[in-house]
Amino acid sequence: MIIYHGGSGLTTQQRIEEYGAPVSVLQPYDVLAKKGITRLSWWDKFFLDSGAFTISQKGGEINVYDYIAFVKEWEKEIDVYASLDVVGDGEASYRNWRIMLDAGLNPLPVFPDGEPLDILFEYAKVTNYIGLGAVAFKSTKRRMIFFDQVFSLFPDPSKVGFHGFGVMSEDLLLRYPWRSVDATTVLLFACNGAILYPGYGAIRINPNVSKKDLRWKTDISEEMVRAYIEGFGLSYEKACEQTMDGTFERIFVNLHCYEEVRKKVPTVFRPKFKTLPVVQL
């Protein structure tokens, strides 16, 4: 499984090279439209997102033909590019995907939660790699209902694989055989003084907040967190700093955390817990 890390504050920082391993990144078209793509030395694979969700939140829209022209201009720099989806309209998203196919491109189609399964089956007739979207701001339970439905139909990623847009919850990563996922979690938590700890989620280690706000669990101690961070050859003291150096130390911890989680992602959908029923919302 590939994890694409997003956030311009992360993906444009040359200092990530200090992490010591290549990192796959995602950037949206709306951010890159005027400046193009400049790959940095530490980038591994590059995923171009259409940015349709962000633009729709601002009341705007993206022209599919402008998007096609951009992809064609920069295609050599791109490993994966998403089709231009239309938020809340699966049929329109499907039409945009067909337009991109007819233009000689091979985009990753985006199947949103809440749309008819017929569209998903149409995608699967042509491609074996599909994005699952429209899950932002939804509860983990609602996401699981959607993902359980999809992966029950296509449990083997070697036949049909899925990309999870904005999927970085450890529970979701370890339940489904993702081919790839993306999110800005690494950067967001690091900027807010938190590190990611397997099995526990985010733990704030900013020394300027009360002990209660550090969110130590009953079965985890500060000494355990220190040992965890130092186990990667990083500095616990530096990770606690509210400085730029401290932020990058936390970014490195979070990258390591997801690398450890990535190794445990299942290779087929066989959930330990029963699948959740599909409900009409």
C-alpha atoms as a PDB file:
ATOM      1  CA  MET A   1       0.000   0.000   0.000  1.00  0.00           C
ATOM      2  CA  ILE A   2       1.139   3.513  -0.796  1.00  0.00           C
ATOM      3  CA  ILE A   3       0.482   6.419   1.565  1.00  0.00           C
ATOM      4  CA  TYR A   4       0.389   9.838  -0.101  1.00  0.00           C
ATOM      5  CA  HIS A   5       1.017  12.710   2.286  1.00  0.00           C
ATOM      6  CA  GLY A   6      -0.613  16.052   1.524  1.00  0.00           C
ATOM      7  CA  GLY A   7      -0.445  19.631   2.714  1.00  0.00           C
ATOM      8  CA  SER A   8       1.583  22.304   0.915  1.00  0.00           C
ATOM      9  CA  GLY A   9       3.480  23.027   4.122  1.00  0.00           C
ATOM     10  CA  LEU A  10       4.742  19.450   3.997  1.00  0.00           C
ATOM     11  CA  THR A  11       5.084  18.722   0.307  1.00  0.00           C
ATOM     12  CA  THR A  12       7.081  21.881  -0.470  1.00  0.00           C
ATOM     13  CA  GLN A  13       9.552  21.550   2.393  1.00  0.00           C
ATOM     14  CA  GLN A  14      13.023  20.482   1.315  1.00  0.00           C
ATOM     15  CA  ARG A  15      13.777  19.637   4.954  1.00  0.00           C
ATOM     16  CA  ILE A  16      11.728  16.457   4.667  1.00  0.00           C
ATOM     17  CA  GLU A  17      14.828  15.110   2.928  1.00  0.00           C
ATOM     18  CA  GLU A  18      16.252  14.787   6.451  1.00  0.00           C
ATOM     19  CA  TYR A  19      13.737  11.999   7.083  1.00  0.00           C
ATOM     20  CA  GLY A  20      16.116   9.773   5.150  1.00  0.00           C
ATOM     21  CA  ALA A  21      13.635   7.946   2.936  1.00  0.00           C
ATOM     22  CA  PRO A  22      11.533   8.945  -0.084  1.00  0.00           C
ATOM     23  CA  VAL A  23       7.978  10.043   0.669  1.00  0.00           C
ATOM     24  CA  SER A  24       4.989   9.859  -1.659  1.00  0.00           C
ATOM     25  CA  VAL A  25       3.049  13.114  -1.843  1.00  0.00           C
ATOM     26  CA  LEU A  26      -0.261  14.500  -3.037  1.00  0.00           C
ATOM     27  CA  GLN A  27      -1.006  17.994  -4.250  1.00  0.00           C
ATOM     28  CA  PRO A  28      -4.241  19.393  -5.710  1.00  0.00           C
ATOM     29  CA  TYR A  29      -4.618  20.864  -9.166  1.00  0.00           C
ATOM     30  CA  ASP A  30      -6.092  24.127  -7.869  1.00  0.00           C
ATOM     31  CA  VAL A  31      -2.835  24.834  -6.001  1.00  0.00           C
ATOM     32  CA  LEU A  32      -0.619  23.876  -8.951  1.00  0.00           C
ATOM     33  CA  ALA A  33      -2.654  25.272 -11.862  1.00  0.00           C
ATOM     34  CA  LYS A  34      -0.579  28.448 -12.264  1.00  0.00           C
ATOM     35  CA  LYS A  35       2.855  27.250 -11.162  1.00  0.00           C
ATOM     36  CA  GLY A  36       3.049  23.698 -12.475  1.00  0.00           C
ATOM     37  CA  ILE A  37       4.817  20.783 -10.795  1.00  0.00           C
ATOM     38  CA  THR A  38       8.351  20.950  -9.440  1.00  0.00           C
ATOM     39  CA  ARG A  39       9.368  17.594  -8.001  1.00  0.00           C
ATOM     40  CA  LEU A  40      11.687  17.699  -5.003  1.00  0.00           C
ATOM     41  CA  SER A  41      14.512  15.248  -4.422  1.00  0.00           C
ATOM     42  CA  TRP A  42      12.758  13.466  -1.551  1.00  0.00           C
ATOM     43  CA  TRP A  43       9.495  12.851  -3.423  1.00  0.00           C
ATOM     44  CA  ASP A  44       8.793   9.238  -4.322  1.00  0.00           C
ATOM     45  CA  LYS A  45       5.462   8.914  -6.120  1.00  0.00           C
ATOM     46  CA  PHE A  46       3.326  11.945  -6.965  1.00  0.00           C
ATOM     47  CA  PHE A  47      -0.476  11.959  -6.868  1.00  0.00           C
ATOM     48  CA  LEU A  48      -2.379  14.815  -8.523  1.00  0.00           C
ATOM     49  CA  ASP A  49      -5.764  15.431  -6.923  1.00  0.00           C
ATOM     50  CA  SER A  50      -8.302  17.491  -8.848  1.00  0.00           C
ATOM     51  CA  GLY A  51      -9.022  19.674  -5.810  1.00  0.00           C
ATOM     52  CA  ALA A  52     -12.736  19.565  -6.665  1.00  0.00           C
ATOM     53  CA  PHE A  53     -13.839  19.107  -3.045  1.00  0.00           C
ATOM     54  CA  THR A  54     -11.892  22.137  -1.770  1.00  0.00           C
ATOM     55  CA  ILE A  55     -13.040  24.321  -4.648  1.00  0.00           C
ATOM     56  CA  SER A  56     -16.684  23.277  -4.135  1.00  0.00           C
ATOM     57  CA  GLN A  57     -16.437  24.303  -0.475  1.00  0.00           C
ATOM     58  CA  LYS A  58     -15.577  27.801  -1.714  1.00  0.00           C
ATOM     59  CA  GLY A  59     -18.447  27.857  -4.196  1.00  0.00           C
ATOM     60  CA  GLY A  60     -16.260  27.458  -7.286  1.00  0.00           C
ATOM     61  CA  GLU A  61     -15.758  24.804  -9.934  1.00  0.00           C
ATOM     62  CA  ILE A  62     -13.009  23.445 -12.185  1.00  0.00           C
ATOM     63  CA  ASN A  63     -13.269  23.201 -15.952  1.00  0.00           C
ATOM     64  CA  VAL A  64     -12.601  19.632 -17.039  1.00  0.00           C
ATOM     65  CA  TYR A  65     -10.837  20.726 -20.239  1.00  0.00           C
ATOM     66  CA  ASP A  66      -8.486  23.021 -18.315  1.00  0.00           C
ATOM     67  CA  TYR A  67      -7.726  20.105 -16.023  1.00  0.00           C
ATOM     68  CA  ILE A  68      -7.069  17.803 -18.997  1.00  0.00           C
ATOM     69  CA  ALA A  69      -4.669  20.347 -20.516  1.00  0.00           C
ATOM     70  CA  PHE A  70      -2.749  20.577 -17.230  1.00  0.00           C
ATOM     71  CA  VAL A  71      -2.449  16.797 -16.884  1.00  0.00           C
ATOM     72  CA  LYS A  72      -1.180  16.454 -20.450  1.00  0.00           C
ATOM     73  CA  GLU A  73       1.400  19.215 -19.915  1.00  0.00           C
ATOM     74  CA  TRP A  74       2.776  17.667 -16.721  1.00  0.00           C
ATOM     75  CA  GLU A  75       1.985  13.980 -17.246  1.00  0.00           C
ATOM     76  CA  LYS A  76       5.643  12.925 -17.111  1.00  0.00           C
ATOM     77  CA  GLU A  77       5.869  14.271 -13.545  1.00  0.00           C
ATOM     78  CA  ILE A  78       2.696  12.537 -12.342  1.00  0.00           C
ATOM     79  CA  ASP A  79       2.355   8.931 -11.185  1.00  0.00           C
ATOM     80  CA  VAL A  80      -1.394   8.977 -10.483  1.00  0.00           C
ATOM     81  CA  TYR A  81      -4.001  11.620 -11.269  1.00  0.00           C
ATOM     82  CA  ALA A  82      -7.600  11.618 -10.122  1.00  0.00           C
ATOM     83  CA  SER A  83     -10.507  12.192 -12.425  1.00  0.00           C
ATOM     84  CA  LEU A  84     -12.329  15.495 -11.968  1.00  0.00           C
ATOM     85  CA  ASP A  85     -15.225  14.564  -9.715  1.00  0.00           C
ATOM     86  CA  VAL A  86     -18.313  16.692  -9.149  1.00  0.00           C
ATOM     87  CA  VAL A  87     -19.169  16.783  -5.456  1.00  0.00           C
ATOM     88  CA  GLY A  88     -22.648  15.420  -4.859  1.00  0.00           C
ATOM     89  CA  ASP A  89     -23.188  14.272  -8.447  1.00  0.00           C
ATOM     90  CA  GLY A  90     -21.913  10.796  -9.279  1.00  0.00           C
ATOM     91  CA  GLU A  91     -23.298  10.886 -12.811  1.00  0.00           C
ATOM     92  CA  ALA A  92     -21.460  14.118 -13.602  1.00  0.00           C
ATOM     93  CA  SER A  93     -18.291  12.666 -12.103  1.00  0.00           C
ATOM     94  CA  TYR A  94     -18.680   9.637 -14.364  1.00  0.00           C
ATOM     95  CA  ARG A  95     -19.131  11.877 -17.404  1.00  0.00           C
ATOM     96  CA  ASN A  96     -15.955  13.801 -16.582  1.00  0.00           C
ATOM     97  CA  TRP A  97     -14.074  10.522 -16.272  1.00  0.00           C
ATOM     98  CA  ARG A  98     -15.321   9.441 -19.709  1.00  0.00           C
ATOM     99  CA  ILE A  99     -14.305  12.820 -21.157  1.00  0.00           C
ATOM    100  CA  MET A 100     -10.788  12.348 -19.770  1.00  0.00           C
ATOM    101  CA  LEU A 101     -10.628   8.810 -21.165  1.00  0.00           C
ATOM    102  CA  ASP A 102     -11.724  10.073 -24.579  1.00  0.00           C
ATOM    103  CA  ALA A 103      -8.924  12.659 -24.374  1.00  0.00           C
ATOM    104  CA  GLY A 104      -6.398   9.834 -24.182  1.00  0.00           C
ATOM    105  CA  LEU A 105      -5.826   9.959 -20.416  1.00  0.00           C
ATOM    106  CA  ASN A 106      -6.102   7.232 -17.800  1.00  0.00           C
ATOM    107  CA  PRO A 107      -7.408   8.967 -14.669  1.00  0.00           C
ATOM    108  CA  LEU A 108      -8.302   7.368 -11.357  1.00  0.00           C
ATOM    109  CA  PRO A 109     -12.120   7.529 -11.215  1.00  0.00           C
ATOM    110  CA  VAL A 110     -13.679   8.746  -7.978  1.00  0.00           C
ATOM    111  CA  PHE A 111     -16.699   6.897  -6.575  1.00  0.00           C
ATOM    112  CA  PRO A 112     -18.344   8.920  -3.791  1.00  0.00           C
ATOM    113  CA  ASP A 113     -20.253   7.624  -0.808  1.00  0.00           C
ATOM    114  CA  GLY A 114     -24.004   7.726  -1.382  1.00  0.00           C
ATOM    115  CA  GLU A 115     -23.984   7.179  -5.150  1.00  0.00           C
ATOM    116  CA  PRO A 116     -25.584   4.188  -6.954  1.00  0.00           C
ATOM    117  CA  LEU A 117     -23.427   1.086  -7.114  1.00  0.00           C
ATOM    118  CA  ASP A 118     -24.118   0.874 -10.837  1.00  0.00           C
ATOM    119  CA  ILE A 119     -21.550   3.641 -11.319  1.00  0.00           C
ATOM    120  CA  LEU A 120     -18.944   1.697  -9.352  1.00  0.00           C
ATOM    121  CA  PHE A 121     -19.507  -1.385 -11.531  1.00  0.00           C
ATOM    122  CA  GLU A 122     -19.156   0.758 -14.667  1.00  0.00           C
ATOM    123  CA  TYR A 123     -15.762   1.963 -13.435  1.00  0.00           C
ATOM    124  CA  ALA A 124     -14.702  -1.599 -12.641  1.00  0.00           C
ATOM    125  CA  LYS A 125     -15.457  -2.703 -16.225  1.00  0.00           C
ATOM    126  CA  VAL A 126     -12.687  -0.408 -17.477  1.00  0.00           C
ATOM    127  CA  THR A 127     -10.160   0.039 -14.661  1.00  0.00           C
ATOM    128  CA  ASN A 128      -8.882  -1.933 -11.678  1.00  0.00           C
ATOM    129  CA  TYR A 129      -7.986   1.141  -9.582  1.00  0.00           C
ATOM    130  CA  ILE A 130     -10.780   3.342  -8.166  1.00  0.00           C
ATOM    131  CA  GLY A 131     -10.882   6.176  -5.647  1.00  0.00           C
ATOM    132  CA  LEU A 132     -13.413   6.256  -2.804  1.00  0.00           C
ATOM    133  CA  GLY A 133     -14.432   9.759  -1.814  1.00  0.00           C
ATOM    134  CA  ALA A 134     -17.049  12.006  -0.208  1.00  0.00           C
ATOM    135  CA  VAL A 135     -16.148  10.777   3.271  1.00  0.00           C
ATOM    136  CA  ALA A 136     -14.730  14.018   4.667  1.00  0.00           C
ATOM    137  CA  PHE A 137     -16.441  15.126   7.885  1.00  0.00           C
ATOM    138  CA  LYS A 138     -18.291  11.814   8.168  1.00  0.00           C
ATOM    139  CA  SER A 139     -18.117   9.599  11.228  1.00  0.00           C
ATOM    140  CA  THR A 140     -15.942   6.508  11.355  1.00  0.00           C
ATOM    141  CA  LYS A 141     -19.086   4.367  11.523  1.00  0.00           C
ATOM    142  CA  ARG A 142     -20.528   5.942   8.362  1.00  0.00           C
ATOM    143  CA  ARG A 143     -17.200   5.493   6.575  1.00  0.00           C
ATOM    144  CA  MET A 144     -17.100   1.850   7.610  1.00  0.00           C
ATOM    145  CA  ILE A 145     -20.614   1.253   6.285  1.00  0.00           C
ATOM    146  CA  PHE A 146     -19.540   2.636   2.905  1.00  0.00           C
ATOM    147  CA  PHE A 147     -16.182   0.864   2.821  1.00  0.00           C
ATOM    148  CA  ASP A 148     -17.641  -2.442   4.034  1.00  0.00           C
ATOM    149  CA  GLN A 149     -20.121  -2.337   1.186  1.00  0.00           C
ATOM    150  CA  VAL A 150     -17.458  -1.647  -1.436  1.00  0.00           C
ATOM    151  CA  PHE A 151     -14.841  -4.090  -0.179  1.00  0.00           C
ATOM    152  CA  SER A 152     -17.431  -6.850   0.268  1.00  0.00           C
ATOM    153  CA  LEU A 153     -18.037  -6.544  -3.479  1.00  0.00           C
ATOM    154  CA  PHE A 154     -14.341  -6.270  -4.366  1.00  0.00           C
ATOM    155  CA  PRO A 155     -12.342  -7.935  -1.558  1.00  0.00           C
ATOM    156  CA  ASP A 156      -9.175  -8.667  -3.569  1.00  0.00           C
ATOM    157  CA  PRO A 157      -7.060  -5.583  -4.403  1.00  0.00           C
ATOM    158  CA  SER A 158      -5.102  -7.533  -7.012  1.00  0.00           C
ATOM    159  CA  LYS A 159      -8.302  -7.552  -9.081  1.00  0.00           C
ATOM    160  CA  VAL A 160      -9.810  -4.177  -8.161  1.00  0.00           C
ATOM    161  CA  GLY A 161      -7.866  -1.891  -5.834  1.00  0.00           C
ATOM    162  CA  PHE A 162      -9.028   1.248  -4.080  1.00  0.00           C
ATOM    163  CA  HIS A 163      -7.582   4.596  -3.078  1.00  0.00           C
ATOM    164  CA  GLY A 164      -9.051   6.132   0.073  1.00  0.00           C
ATOM    165  CA  PHE A 165      -9.289   9.914  -0.105  1.00  0.00           C
ATOM    166  CA  GLY A 166      -8.641  11.394   3.321  1.00  0.00           C
ATOM    167  CA  VAL A 167      -8.342   7.978   4.980  1.00  0.00           C
ATOM    168  CA  MET A 168      -5.689   7.937   7.699  1.00  0.00           C
ATOM    169  CA  SER A 169      -7.510   6.464  10.708  1.00  0.00           C
ATOM    170  CA  GLU A 170      -5.560   3.463  11.942  1.00  0.00           C
ATOM    171  CA  ASP A 171      -8.794   1.508  12.438  1.00  0.00           C
ATOM    172  CA  LEU A 172      -9.729   2.041   8.781  1.00  0.00           C
ATOM    173  CA  LEU A 173      -6.238   1.372   7.461  1.00  0.00           C
ATOM    174  CA  LEU A 174      -6.029  -1.983   9.228  1.00  0.00           C
ATOM    175  CA  ARG A 175      -9.546  -3.131   8.271  1.00  0.00           C
ATOM    176  CA  TYR A 176      -9.322  -2.783   4.480  1.00  0.00           C
ATOM    177  CA  PRO A 177      -6.800  -3.896   1.818  1.00  0.00           C
ATOM    178  CA  TRP A 178      -6.131  -0.423   0.432  1.00  0.00           C
ATOM    179  CA  ARG A 179      -3.968   0.015  -2.614  1.00  0.00           C
ATOM    180  CA  SER A 180      -3.318   3.594  -1.548  1.00  0.00           C
ATOM    181  CA  VAL A 181      -4.617   6.359   0.739  1.00  0.00           C
ATOM    182  CA  ASP A 182      -3.905  10.015   1.374  1.00  0.00           C
ATOM    183  CA  ALA A 183      -4.374  12.663   4.056  1.00  0.00           C
ATOM    184  CA  THR A 184      -2.710  15.691   5.649  1.00  0.00           C
ATOM    185  CA  THR A 185      -2.610  14.086   9.106  1.00  0.00           C
ATOM    186  CA  VAL A 186       1.188  13.963   9.402  1.00  0.00           C
ATOM    187  CA  LEU A 187       1.500  17.731   9.016  1.00  0.00           C
ATOM    188  CA  LEU A 188      -1.645  18.800  10.874  1.00  0.00           C
ATOM    189  CA  PHE A 189      -0.879  16.878  14.042  1.00  0.00           C
ATOM    190  CA  ALA A 190       2.776  17.900  14.010  1.00  0.00           C
ATOM    191  CA  CYS A 191       1.863  21.585  13.698  1.00  0.00           C
ATOM    192  CA  ASN A 192      -0.471  21.209  16.671  1.00  0.00           C
ATOM    193  CA  GLY A 193       2.177  19.727  18.940  1.00  0.00           C
ATOM    194  CA  ALA A 194       1.101  16.104  18.555  1.00  0.00           C
ATOM    195  CA  ILE A 195       2.690  12.840  17.523  1.00  0.00           C
ATOM    196  CA  LEU A 196       0.912   9.717  16.308  1.00  0.00           C
ATOM    197  CA  TYR A 197       1.340   6.614  18.440  1.00  0.00           C
ATOM    198  CA  PRO A 198       0.202   3.228  17.045  1.00  0.00           C
ATOM    199  CA  GLY A 199      -2.960   2.026  18.740  1.00  0.00           C
ATOM    200  CA  TYR A 200      -3.622   5.349  20.457  1.00  0.00           C
ATOM    201  CA  GLY A 201      -3.842   8.020  17.796  1.00  0.00           C
ATOM    202  CA  ALA A 202      -2.627  11.550  18.479  1.00  0.00           C
ATOM    203  CA  ILE A 203      -0.804  12.423  21.695  1.00  0.00           C
ATOM    204  CA  ARG A 204       0.036  16.045  22.410  1.00  0.00           C
ATOM    205  CA  ILE A 205       3.551  16.397  23.765  1.00  0.00           C
ATOM    206  CA  ASN A 206       3.680  20.181  23.961  1.00  0.00           C
ATOM    207  CA  PRO A 207       5.148  20.885  27.438  1.00  0.00           C
ATOM    208  CA  ASN A 208       3.282  24.203  27.651  1.00  0.00           C
ATOM    209  CA  VAL A 209      -0.095  22.518  28.228  1.00  0.00           C
ATOM    210  CA  SER A 210      -1.279  20.809  31.388  1.00  0.00           C
ATOM    211  CA  LYS A 211      -0.547  17.158  32.069  1.00  0.00           C
ATOM    212  CA  LYS A 212      -4.221  16.400  31.519  1.00  0.00           C
ATOM    213  CA  ASP A 213      -4.059  17.849  28.020  1.00  0.00           C
ATOM    214  CA  LEU A 214      -1.097  15.634  27.144  1.00  0.00           C
ATOM    215  CA  ARG A 215      -3.688  12.866  26.809  1.00  0.00           C
ATOM    216  CA  TRP A 216      -1.544  10.086  28.261  1.00  0.00           C
ATOM    217  CA  LYS A 217      -3.701   6.975  28.383  1.00  0.00           C
ATOM    218  CA  THR A 218      -4.078   4.872  31.504  1.00  0.00           C
ATOM    219  CA  ASP A 219      -1.818   2.207  30.034  1.00  0.00           C
ATOM    220  CA  ILE A 220       0.754   4.457  28.396  1.00  0.00           C
ATOM    221  CA  SER A 221       3.345   6.641  30.070  1.00  0.00           C
ATOM    222  CA  GLU A 222       5.601   9.500  29.121  1.00  0.00           C
ATOM    223  CA  GLU A 223       8.527   7.094  29.360  1.00  0.00           C
ATOM    224  CA  MET A 224       6.909   4.824  26.777  1.00  0.00           C
ATOM    225  CA  VAL A 225       6.406   7.741  24.405  1.00  0.00           C
ATOM    226  CA  ARG A 226      10.015   8.805  24.888  1.00  0.00           C
ATOM    227  CA  ALA A 227      11.218   5.284  24.106  1.00  0.00           C
ATOM    228  CA  TYR A 228       8.967   5.162  21.042  1.00  0.00           C
ATOM    229  CA  ILE A 229      10.361   8.399  19.607  1.00  0.00           C
ATOM    230  CA  GLU A 230      13.973   7.597  20.418  1.00  0.00           C
ATOM    231  CA  GLY A 231      13.509   4.160  18.855  1.00  0.00           C
ATOM    232  CA  PHE A 232      13.477   5.932  15.489  1.00  0.00           C
ATOM    233  CA  GLY A 233      16.731   7.708  16.307  1.00  0.00           C
ATOM    234  CA  LEU A 234      14.847  10.947  16.993  1.00  0.00           C
ATOM    235  CA  SER A 235      14.912  13.288  19.984  1.00  0.00           C
ATOM    236  CA  TYR A 236      12.057  13.343  22.485  1.00  0.00           C
ATOM    237  CA  GLU A 237      13.170  16.746  23.806  1.00  0.00           C
ATOM    238  CA  LYS A 238      13.249  18.248  20.325  1.00  0.00           C
ATOM    239  CA  ALA A 239       9.843  16.729  19.476  1.00  0.00           C
ATOM    240  CA  CYS A 240       8.392  18.521  22.490  1.00  0.00           C
ATOM    241  CA  GLU A 241       9.642  21.920  21.350  1.00  0.00           C
ATOM    242  CA  GLN A 242       7.233  24.516  19.991  1.00  0.00           C
ATOM    243  CA  THR A 243       9.754  25.483  17.332  1.00  0.00           C
ATOM    244  CA  MET A 244      10.199  24.744  13.631  1.00  0.00           C
ATOM    245  CA  ASP A 245      12.781  22.097  14.554  1.00  0.00           C
ATOM    246  CA  GLY A 246      10.255  20.559  16.936  1.00  0.00           C
ATOM    247  CA  THR A 247       7.565  20.505  14.254  1.00  0.00           C
ATOM    248  CA  PHE A 248       9.832  18.665  11.844  1.00  0.00           C
ATOM    249  CA  GLU A 249      10.838  16.172  14.528  1.00  0.00           C
ATOM    250  CA  ARG A 250       7.137  15.432  15.065  1.00  0.00           C
ATOM    251  CA  ILE A 251       6.620  15.152  11.298  1.00  0.00           C
ATOM    252  CA  PHE A 252       9.387  12.541  11.178  1.00  0.00           C
ATOM    253  CA  VAL A 253       7.805  10.622  14.072  1.00  0.00           C
ATOM    254  CA  ASN A 254       4.441  10.653  12.285  1.00  0.00           C
ATOM    255  CA  LEU A 255       5.955   9.474   9.012  1.00  0.00           C
ATOM    256  CA  HIS A 256       7.576   6.583  10.875  1.00  0.00           C
ATOM    257  CA  CYS A 257       4.252   5.779  12.561  1.00  0.00           C
ATOM    258  CA  TYR A 258       2.424   5.448   9.267  1.00  0.00           C
ATOM    259  CA  GLU A 259       5.233   3.368   7.830  1.00  0.00           C
ATOM    260  CA  GLU A 260       4.749   0.928  10.720  1.00  0.00           C
ATOM    261  CA  VAL A 261       0.971   0.881  10.188  1.00  0.00           C
ATOM    262  CA  ARG A 262       1.399   0.435   6.429  1.00  0.00           C
ATOM    263  CA  LYS A 263       3.190  -2.857   6.983  1.00  0.00           C
ATOM    264  CA  LYS A 264       0.101  -4.270   8.730  1.00  0.00           C
ATOM    265  CA  VAL A 265      -2.520  -3.390   6.110  1.00  0.00           C
ATOM    266  CA  PRO A 266      -4.379  -6.582   5.085  1.00  0.00           C
ATOM    267  CA  THR A 267      -3.949  -8.058   1.631  1.00  0.00           C
ATOM    268  CA  VAL A 268      -7.610  -9.083   1.282  1.00  0.00           C
ATOM    269  CA  PHE A 269     -10.874  -8.024   2.926  1.00  0.00           C
ATOM    270  CA  ARG A 270     -11.563 -10.506   5.702  1.00  0.00           C
ATOM    271  CA  PRO A 271     -12.721  -8.334   8.618  1.00  0.00           C
ATOM    272  CA  LYS A 272     -12.320  -9.636  12.150  1.00  0.00           C
ATOM    273  CA  PHE A 273     -15.584  -7.925  12.994  1.00  0.00           C
ATOM    274  CA  LYS A 274     -18.827  -8.304  11.070  1.00  0.00           C
ATOM    275  CA  THR A 275     -19.520  -5.893   8.251  1.00  0.00           C
ATOM    276  CA  LEU A 276     -21.916  -3.053   8.932  1.00  0.00           C
ATOM    277  CA  PRO A 277     -25.269  -2.988   7.110  1.00  0.00           C
ATOM    278  CA  VAL A 278     -25.934  -0.378   4.474  1.00  0.00           C
ATOM    279  CA  VAL A 279     -28.422   2.210   5.698  1.00  0.00           C
ATOM    280  CA  GLN A 280     -30.254   4.970   3.907  1.00  0.00           C
ATOM    281  CA  LEU A 281     -29.323   8.380   5.294  1.00  0.00           C
END
